[in-house]
Amino acid sequence: MKVQRTMPIEPVDLTFGAFAKCGQSTATVGYRDASTGRVIASIEIPAQVIEGAVLENASVEITLLSDGEIASAVAGPASDCFSIRSSVAIDQLVEAFVTSQNLHKEEATEAELRTLLGRLHKSVEAVERTIHCLEVKAK
């Protein structure tokens, strides 16, 4: 007859920490043992699912400011947690668009660029008219 001797079980204090790793196509979220770094549980979620859930009720606002800055803001339902604001000068935006690398990606044609140029000329004319009106009012 074999006698088995049992040892008292000592309680183990596990400390779990949440983690998230975001890649381009997926995100992995889960919990790991904080003392060893060993993953306890995790799930891989396609980035499209996360983006869809986050952006489903998001609103985008784009504003052209009087000094030529284009300001944009994205806000979600929980705007305290998720709000993105940025601005760029209109000339910087056009410069970035007309780089040869970007034009190649966009497959922009000469006709499209001429349309853009025409619209930019109309924009310049509108600003010049407004400046002229302001000068006349100031006199």
N, C-alpha and C. Protein backbone atom coordinates (compact mmCIF):
# COMPACT_ATOMS: atom_id res chain seq x y z
N MET A 1 0.84 -1.16 0.00
CA MET A 1 0.00 0.00 0.00
C MET A 1 0.89 1.23 0.00
N LYS A 2 0.57 2.14 -0.89
CA LYS A 2 1.35 3.35 -1.05
C LYS A 2 0.65 4.48 -0.31
N VAL A 3 1.36 5.16 0.52
CA VAL A 3 0.78 6.28 1.27
C VAL A 3 1.22 7.57 0.59
N GLN A 4 0.24 8.34 0.30
CA GLN A 4 0.54 9.62 -0.34
C GLN A 4 0.48 10.71 0.71
N ARG A 5 1.47 11.48 0.70
CA ARG A 5 1.52 12.56 1.67
C ARG A 5 1.12 13.83 0.95
N THR A 6 0.14 14.56 1.44
CA THR A 6 -0.29 15.81 0.83
C THR A 6 0.35 16.97 1.55
N MET A 7 0.70 17.92 0.75
CA MET A 7 1.30 19.12 1.31
C MET A 7 0.22 20.18 1.39
N PRO A 8 0.26 20.98 2.40
CA PRO A 8 -0.75 22.03 2.48
C PRO A 8 -0.60 22.99 1.28
N ILE A 9 -1.73 23.40 0.76
CA ILE A 9 -1.73 24.32 -0.39
C ILE A 9 -1.60 25.74 0.14
N GLU A 10 -0.59 26.38 -0.37
CA GLU A 10 -0.40 27.77 0.03
C GLU A 10 -1.12 28.67 -0.96
N PRO A 11 -1.83 29.65 -0.45
CA PRO A 11 -2.53 30.56 -1.36
C PRO A 11 -1.53 31.36 -2.21
N VAL A 12 -1.87 31.52 -3.46
CA VAL A 12 -1.03 32.27 -4.38
C VAL A 12 -1.74 33.59 -4.67
N ASP A 13 -1.01 34.65 -4.53
CA ASP A 13 -1.58 35.96 -4.79
C ASP A 13 -1.28 36.34 -6.24
N LEU A 14 -2.26 36.16 -7.13
CA LEU A 14 -2.09 36.51 -8.53
C LEU A 14 -2.56 37.93 -8.76
N THR A 15 -1.78 38.65 -9.48
CA THR A 15 -2.16 40.00 -9.83
C THR A 15 -2.26 40.06 -11.34
N PHE A 16 -3.47 40.30 -11.82
CA PHE A 16 -3.69 40.36 -13.26
C PHE A 16 -3.63 41.80 -13.73
N GLY A 17 -3.10 41.98 -14.90
CA GLY A 17 -3.07 43.30 -15.52
C GLY A 17 -3.61 43.20 -16.94
N ALA A 18 -4.42 44.16 -17.30
CA ALA A 18 -4.97 44.18 -18.65
C ALA A 18 -3.89 44.64 -19.63
N PHE A 19 -3.97 44.16 -20.87
CA PHE A 19 -3.03 44.61 -21.89
C PHE A 19 -3.74 44.67 -23.22
N ALA A 20 -3.17 45.44 -24.13
CA ALA A 20 -3.67 45.53 -25.51
C ALA A 20 -2.48 45.75 -26.42
N LYS A 21 -2.44 44.99 -27.49
CA LYS A 21 -1.41 45.17 -28.53
C LYS A 21 -2.15 45.43 -29.83
N CYS A 22 -1.85 46.55 -30.44
CA CYS A 22 -2.54 46.90 -31.68
C CYS A 22 -1.61 46.76 -32.86
N GLY A 23 -2.05 45.98 -33.83
CA GLY A 23 -1.33 45.84 -35.08
C GLY A 23 -2.11 46.55 -36.17
N GLN A 24 -1.67 46.43 -37.40
CA GLN A 24 -2.37 47.10 -38.50
C GLN A 24 -3.68 46.42 -38.83
N SER A 25 -3.75 45.11 -38.72
CA SER A 25 -4.98 44.41 -39.11
C SER A 25 -5.74 43.82 -37.93
N THR A 26 -5.08 43.63 -36.80
CA THR A 26 -5.75 43.07 -35.63
C THR A 26 -5.27 43.73 -34.35
N ALA A 27 -6.07 43.56 -33.31
CA ALA A 27 -5.69 44.00 -31.97
C ALA A 27 -5.85 42.80 -31.04
N THR A 28 -4.93 42.61 -30.14
CA THR A 28 -5.01 41.54 -29.16
C THR A 28 -5.18 42.19 -27.80
N VAL A 29 -6.23 41.80 -27.10
CA VAL A 29 -6.50 42.34 -25.76
C VAL A 29 -6.66 41.17 -24.80
N GLY A 30 -6.31 41.39 -23.55
CA GLY A 30 -6.46 40.31 -22.58
C GLY A 30 -5.88 40.67 -21.24
N TYR A 31 -5.57 39.62 -20.47
CA TYR A 31 -5.00 39.79 -19.14
C TYR A 31 -3.75 38.94 -19.03
N ARG A 32 -2.78 39.44 -18.29
CA ARG A 32 -1.57 38.67 -18.02
C ARG A 32 -1.24 38.75 -16.54
N ASP A 33 -0.51 37.76 -16.07
CA ASP A 33 -0.04 37.74 -14.69
C ASP A 33 1.04 38.82 -14.58
N ALA A 34 0.80 39.78 -13.74
CA ALA A 34 1.72 40.91 -13.62
C ALA A 34 3.09 40.49 -13.10
N SER A 35 3.15 39.44 -12.30
CA SER A 35 4.45 39.05 -11.74
C SER A 35 5.31 38.29 -12.74
N THR A 36 4.70 37.51 -13.63
CA THR A 36 5.48 36.72 -14.58
C THR A 36 5.39 37.23 -16.01
N GLY A 37 4.35 38.00 -16.29
CA GLY A 37 4.14 38.47 -17.66
C GLY A 37 3.44 37.45 -18.53
N ARG A 38 3.11 36.29 -17.95
CA ARG A 38 2.44 35.21 -18.70
C ARG A 38 0.99 35.59 -19.00
N VAL A 39 0.60 35.42 -20.26
CA VAL A 39 -0.77 35.74 -20.68
C VAL A 39 -1.71 34.70 -20.09
N ILE A 40 -2.76 35.19 -19.44
CA ILE A 40 -3.75 34.32 -18.82
C ILE A 40 -4.91 34.08 -19.79
N ALA A 41 -5.36 35.16 -20.41
CA ALA A 41 -6.46 35.05 -21.39
C ALA A 41 -6.30 36.19 -22.38
N SER A 42 -6.62 35.91 -23.66
CA SER A 42 -6.54 36.96 -24.66
C SER A 42 -7.49 36.64 -25.80
N ILE A 43 -7.79 37.67 -26.55
CA ILE A 43 -8.64 37.53 -27.72
C ILE A 43 -8.09 38.44 -28.81
N GLU A 44 -8.16 37.97 -30.05
CA GLU A 44 -7.69 38.75 -31.19
C GLU A 44 -8.92 39.27 -31.91
N ILE A 45 -8.94 40.59 -32.14
CA ILE A 45 -10.09 41.23 -32.77
C ILE A 45 -9.63 41.95 -34.04
N PRO A 46 -10.33 41.74 -35.16
CA PRO A 46 -9.96 42.46 -36.38
C PRO A 46 -10.09 43.97 -36.17
N ALA A 47 -9.12 44.71 -36.67
CA ALA A 47 -9.12 46.17 -36.51
C ALA A 47 -10.38 46.80 -37.11
N GLN A 48 -10.91 46.24 -38.18
CA GLN A 48 -12.12 46.78 -38.80
C GLN A 48 -13.30 46.75 -37.84
N VAL A 49 -13.39 45.72 -37.02
CA VAL A 49 -14.49 45.61 -36.06
C VAL A 49 -14.37 46.73 -35.03
N ILE A 50 -13.16 46.96 -34.55
CA ILE A 50 -12.94 48.01 -33.55
C ILE A 50 -13.21 49.39 -34.16
N GLU A 51 -12.65 49.64 -35.35
CA GLU A 51 -12.86 50.93 -36.01
C GLU A 51 -14.34 51.19 -36.26
N GLY A 52 -15.06 50.15 -36.70
CA GLY A 52 -16.49 50.31 -36.95
C GLY A 52 -17.25 50.66 -35.70
N ALA A 53 -16.94 49.99 -34.59
CA ALA A 53 -17.61 50.26 -33.32
C ALA A 53 -17.30 51.66 -32.80
N VAL A 54 -16.05 52.07 -32.94
CA VAL A 54 -15.63 53.38 -32.43
C VAL A 54 -16.21 54.52 -33.28
N LEU A 55 -16.17 54.32 -34.60
CA LEU A 55 -16.58 55.40 -35.51
C LEU A 55 -18.07 55.40 -35.86
N GLU A 56 -18.81 54.38 -35.41
CA GLU A 56 -20.22 54.26 -35.78
C GLU A 56 -21.01 55.52 -35.47
N ASN A 57 -20.82 56.08 -34.31
CA ASN A 57 -21.57 57.27 -33.92
C ASN A 57 -20.67 58.50 -33.79
N ALA A 58 -19.55 58.46 -34.47
CA ALA A 58 -18.62 59.60 -34.42
C ALA A 58 -19.08 60.69 -35.37
N SER A 59 -18.73 61.90 -35.03
CA SER A 59 -19.02 63.01 -35.93
C SER A 59 -17.71 63.69 -36.32
N VAL A 60 -17.67 64.15 -37.54
CA VAL A 60 -16.48 64.82 -38.06
C VAL A 60 -16.87 66.24 -38.42
N GLU A 61 -16.09 67.18 -37.94
CA GLU A 61 -16.32 68.59 -38.25
C GLU A 61 -15.06 69.14 -38.90
N ILE A 62 -15.24 69.81 -40.04
CA ILE A 62 -14.13 70.43 -40.74
C ILE A 62 -14.47 71.90 -40.92
N THR A 63 -13.55 72.76 -40.54
CA THR A 63 -13.79 74.20 -40.58
C THR A 63 -12.62 74.90 -41.26
N LEU A 64 -12.94 75.80 -42.18
CA LEU A 64 -11.92 76.65 -42.79
C LEU A 64 -11.89 77.95 -41.99
N LEU A 65 -10.76 78.20 -41.35
CA LEU A 65 -10.62 79.39 -40.52
C LEU A 65 -10.19 80.58 -41.39
N SER A 66 -10.41 81.76 -40.90
CA SER A 66 -10.15 82.97 -41.69
C SER A 66 -8.67 83.17 -42.03
N ASP A 67 -7.77 82.51 -41.31
CA ASP A 67 -6.34 82.66 -41.61
C ASP A 67 -5.81 81.57 -42.54
N GLY A 68 -6.72 80.75 -43.11
CA GLY A 68 -6.29 79.73 -44.06
C GLY A 68 -5.97 78.39 -43.44
N GLU A 69 -6.25 78.24 -42.17
CA GLU A 69 -6.08 76.94 -41.50
C GLU A 69 -7.35 76.13 -41.70
N ILE A 70 -7.18 74.85 -41.94
CA ILE A 70 -8.32 73.94 -42.00
C ILE A 70 -8.26 73.13 -40.72
N ALA A 71 -9.27 73.32 -39.87
CA ALA A 71 -9.32 72.62 -38.59
C ALA A 71 -10.32 71.49 -38.69
N SER A 72 -9.96 70.34 -38.14
CA SER A 72 -10.88 69.21 -38.14
C SER A 72 -10.95 68.63 -36.74
N ALA A 73 -12.10 68.09 -36.42
CA ALA A 73 -12.30 67.45 -35.13
C ALA A 73 -13.18 66.22 -35.33
N VAL A 74 -12.84 65.16 -34.63
CA VAL A 74 -13.63 63.94 -34.62
C VAL A 74 -14.00 63.69 -33.18
N ALA A 75 -15.28 63.50 -32.93
CA ALA A 75 -15.74 63.24 -31.57
C ALA A 75 -16.68 62.05 -31.59
N GLY A 76 -16.54 61.20 -30.57
CA GLY A 76 -17.39 60.03 -30.46
C GLY A 76 -18.40 60.21 -29.35
N PRO A 77 -19.26 59.20 -29.15
CA PRO A 77 -20.30 59.28 -28.12
C PRO A 77 -19.71 59.51 -26.74
N ALA A 78 -18.57 58.94 -26.46
CA ALA A 78 -17.90 59.16 -25.18
C ALA A 78 -16.77 60.15 -25.43
N SER A 79 -17.13 61.40 -25.74
CA SER A 79 -16.14 62.37 -26.20
C SER A 79 -15.06 62.65 -25.17
N ASP A 80 -15.29 62.33 -23.90
CA ASP A 80 -14.24 62.50 -22.90
C ASP A 80 -13.09 61.54 -23.18
N CYS A 81 -13.43 60.37 -23.71
CA CYS A 81 -12.41 59.35 -23.97
C CYS A 81 -11.85 59.45 -25.37
N PHE A 82 -12.60 60.05 -26.28
CA PHE A 82 -12.22 59.94 -27.68
C PHE A 82 -12.55 61.25 -28.39
N SER A 83 -11.56 62.06 -28.58
CA SER A 83 -11.73 63.31 -29.31
C SER A 83 -10.39 63.65 -29.96
N ILE A 84 -10.43 63.85 -31.26
CA ILE A 84 -9.20 64.14 -31.99
C ILE A 84 -9.37 65.48 -32.69
N ARG A 85 -8.41 66.36 -32.52
CA ARG A 85 -8.45 67.66 -33.17
C ARG A 85 -7.12 67.90 -33.87
N SER A 86 -7.19 68.47 -35.07
CA SER A 86 -5.96 68.83 -35.76
C SER A 86 -6.24 69.97 -36.72
N SER A 87 -5.18 70.61 -37.14
CA SER A 87 -5.34 71.69 -38.13
C SER A 87 -4.12 71.69 -39.05
N VAL A 88 -4.35 72.19 -40.26
CA VAL A 88 -3.28 72.28 -41.24
C VAL A 88 -3.56 73.51 -42.09
N ALA A 89 -2.51 74.20 -42.48
CA ALA A 89 -2.66 75.37 -43.35
C ALA A 89 -3.05 74.89 -44.74
N ILE A 90 -3.93 75.62 -45.40
CA ILE A 90 -4.44 75.21 -46.70
C ILE A 90 -3.30 75.04 -47.72
N ASP A 91 -2.29 75.92 -47.67
CA ASP A 91 -1.17 75.78 -48.61
C ASP A 91 -0.36 74.52 -48.35
N GLN A 92 -0.23 74.13 -47.06
CA GLN A 92 0.48 72.89 -46.73
C GLN A 92 -0.30 71.67 -47.22
N LEU A 93 -1.62 71.75 -47.13
CA LEU A 93 -2.47 70.66 -47.61
C LEU A 93 -2.33 70.48 -49.11
N VAL A 94 -2.34 71.60 -49.84
CA VAL A 94 -2.18 71.53 -51.30
C VAL A 94 -0.79 71.03 -51.65
N GLU A 95 0.25 71.54 -50.97
CA GLU A 95 1.62 71.07 -51.21
C GLU A 95 1.74 69.57 -51.00
N ALA A 96 1.15 69.06 -49.93
CA ALA A 96 1.21 67.63 -49.65
C ALA A 96 0.48 66.84 -50.73
N PHE A 97 -0.62 67.39 -51.23
CA PHE A 97 -1.40 66.68 -52.25
C PHE A 97 -0.65 66.59 -53.57
N VAL A 98 0.04 67.65 -53.96
CA VAL A 98 0.64 67.67 -55.30
C VAL A 98 2.06 67.09 -55.36
N THR A 99 2.50 66.43 -54.32
CA THR A 99 3.78 65.74 -54.43
C THR A 99 3.64 64.62 -55.46
N SER A 100 4.72 64.34 -56.17
CA SER A 100 4.65 63.33 -57.23
C SER A 100 4.27 61.97 -56.67
N GLN A 101 4.74 61.65 -55.48
CA GLN A 101 4.40 60.35 -54.88
C GLN A 101 2.90 60.25 -54.61
N ASN A 102 2.31 61.31 -54.07
CA ASN A 102 0.88 61.29 -53.78
C ASN A 102 0.06 61.28 -55.07
N LEU A 103 0.46 62.08 -56.06
CA LEU A 103 -0.27 62.12 -57.32
C LEU A 103 -0.27 60.76 -57.99
N HIS A 104 0.84 60.04 -57.85
CA HIS A 104 0.92 58.69 -58.41
C HIS A 104 -0.07 57.76 -57.71
N LYS A 105 -0.12 57.86 -56.35
CA LYS A 105 -1.06 57.03 -55.58
C LYS A 105 -2.50 57.35 -55.95
N GLU A 106 -2.80 58.64 -56.08
CA GLU A 106 -4.16 59.08 -56.37
C GLU A 106 -4.53 58.90 -57.84
N GLU A 107 -3.53 58.62 -58.67
CA GLU A 107 -3.72 58.49 -60.12
C GLU A 107 -4.40 59.74 -60.68
N ALA A 108 -3.92 60.89 -60.23
CA ALA A 108 -4.48 62.17 -60.66
C ALA A 108 -4.13 62.43 -62.12
N THR A 109 -5.11 62.92 -62.86
CA THR A 109 -4.90 63.24 -64.27
C THR A 109 -4.62 64.73 -64.41
N GLU A 110 -4.11 65.12 -65.56
CA GLU A 110 -3.87 66.54 -65.82
C GLU A 110 -5.18 67.31 -65.77
N ALA A 111 -6.25 66.73 -66.30
CA ALA A 111 -7.56 67.40 -66.29
C ALA A 111 -8.03 67.66 -64.86
N GLU A 112 -7.83 66.70 -63.97
CA GLU A 112 -8.23 66.88 -62.57
C GLU A 112 -7.41 67.97 -61.91
N LEU A 113 -6.11 67.99 -62.22
CA LEU A 113 -5.25 69.04 -61.64
C LEU A 113 -5.63 70.42 -62.17
N ARG A 114 -6.02 70.50 -63.43
CA ARG A 114 -6.47 71.78 -63.98
C ARG A 114 -7.78 72.22 -63.31
N THR A 115 -8.65 71.28 -63.01
CA THR A 115 -9.89 71.60 -62.27
C THR A 115 -9.53 72.13 -60.89
N LEU A 116 -8.59 71.46 -60.21
CA LEU A 116 -8.13 71.93 -58.90
C LEU A 116 -7.57 73.34 -59.01
N LEU A 117 -6.73 73.58 -60.01
CA LEU A 117 -6.14 74.90 -60.21
C LEU A 117 -7.23 75.96 -60.42
N GLY A 118 -8.23 75.64 -61.23
CA GLY A 118 -9.34 76.57 -61.45
C GLY A 118 -10.07 76.90 -60.16
N ARG A 119 -10.30 75.89 -59.34
CA ARG A 119 -10.99 76.11 -58.06
C ARG A 119 -10.14 76.94 -57.11
N LEU A 120 -8.84 76.70 -57.13
CA LEU A 120 -7.96 77.51 -56.28
C LEU A 120 -7.94 78.97 -56.75
N HIS A 121 -7.95 79.19 -58.09
CA HIS A 121 -8.02 80.57 -58.60
C HIS A 121 -9.32 81.24 -58.16
N LYS A 122 -10.44 80.53 -58.24
CA LYS A 122 -11.73 81.09 -57.79
C LYS A 122 -11.67 81.42 -56.31
N SER A 123 -11.00 80.57 -55.52
CA SER A 123 -10.86 80.82 -54.08
C SER A 123 -10.05 82.09 -53.83
N VAL A 124 -8.96 82.25 -54.58
CA VAL A 124 -8.12 83.45 -54.44
C VAL A 124 -8.93 84.69 -54.81
N GLU A 125 -9.68 84.61 -55.90
CA GLU A 125 -10.51 85.75 -56.32
C GLU A 125 -11.54 86.09 -55.25
N ALA A 126 -12.16 85.09 -54.62
CA ALA A 126 -13.16 85.34 -53.57
C ALA A 126 -12.52 86.03 -52.37
N VAL A 127 -11.33 85.60 -51.99
CA VAL A 127 -10.64 86.23 -50.86
C VAL A 127 -10.26 87.67 -51.22
N GLU A 128 -9.75 87.88 -52.44
CA GLU A 128 -9.39 89.24 -52.86
C GLU A 128 -10.61 90.15 -52.87
N ARG A 129 -11.77 89.68 -53.36
CA ARG A 129 -13.01 90.47 -53.34
C ARG A 129 -13.39 90.85 -51.92
N THR A 130 -13.27 89.90 -51.02
CA THR A 130 -13.64 90.16 -49.62
C THR A 130 -12.71 91.17 -48.99
N ILE A 131 -11.41 91.05 -49.27
CA ILE A 131 -10.44 92.03 -48.74
C ILE A 131 -10.79 93.41 -49.27
N HIS A 132 -11.10 93.50 -50.56
CA HIS A 132 -11.45 94.79 -51.18
C HIS A 132 -12.70 95.36 -50.49
N CYS A 133 -13.71 94.54 -50.27
CA CYS A 133 -14.92 95.01 -49.58
C CYS A 133 -14.62 95.52 -48.18
N LEU A 134 -13.75 94.83 -47.47
CA LEU A 134 -13.38 95.27 -46.12
C LEU A 134 -12.64 96.60 -46.15
N GLU A 135 -11.77 96.79 -47.16
CA GLU A 135 -11.04 98.04 -47.31
C GLU A 135 -11.99 99.19 -47.60
N VAL A 136 -12.99 98.93 -48.46
CA VAL A 136 -13.96 99.98 -48.81
C VAL A 136 -14.78 100.35 -47.57
N LYS A 137 -15.19 99.37 -46.79
CA LYS A 137 -15.97 99.64 -45.56
C LYS A 137 -15.16 100.42 -44.55
N ALA A 138 -13.86 100.14 -44.49
CA ALA A 138 -13.00 100.81 -43.50
C ALA A 138 -12.79 102.28 -43.80
N LYS A 139 -13.01 102.68 -45.07
CA LYS A 139 -12.77 104.09 -45.44
C LYS A 139 -13.89 104.97 -45.09
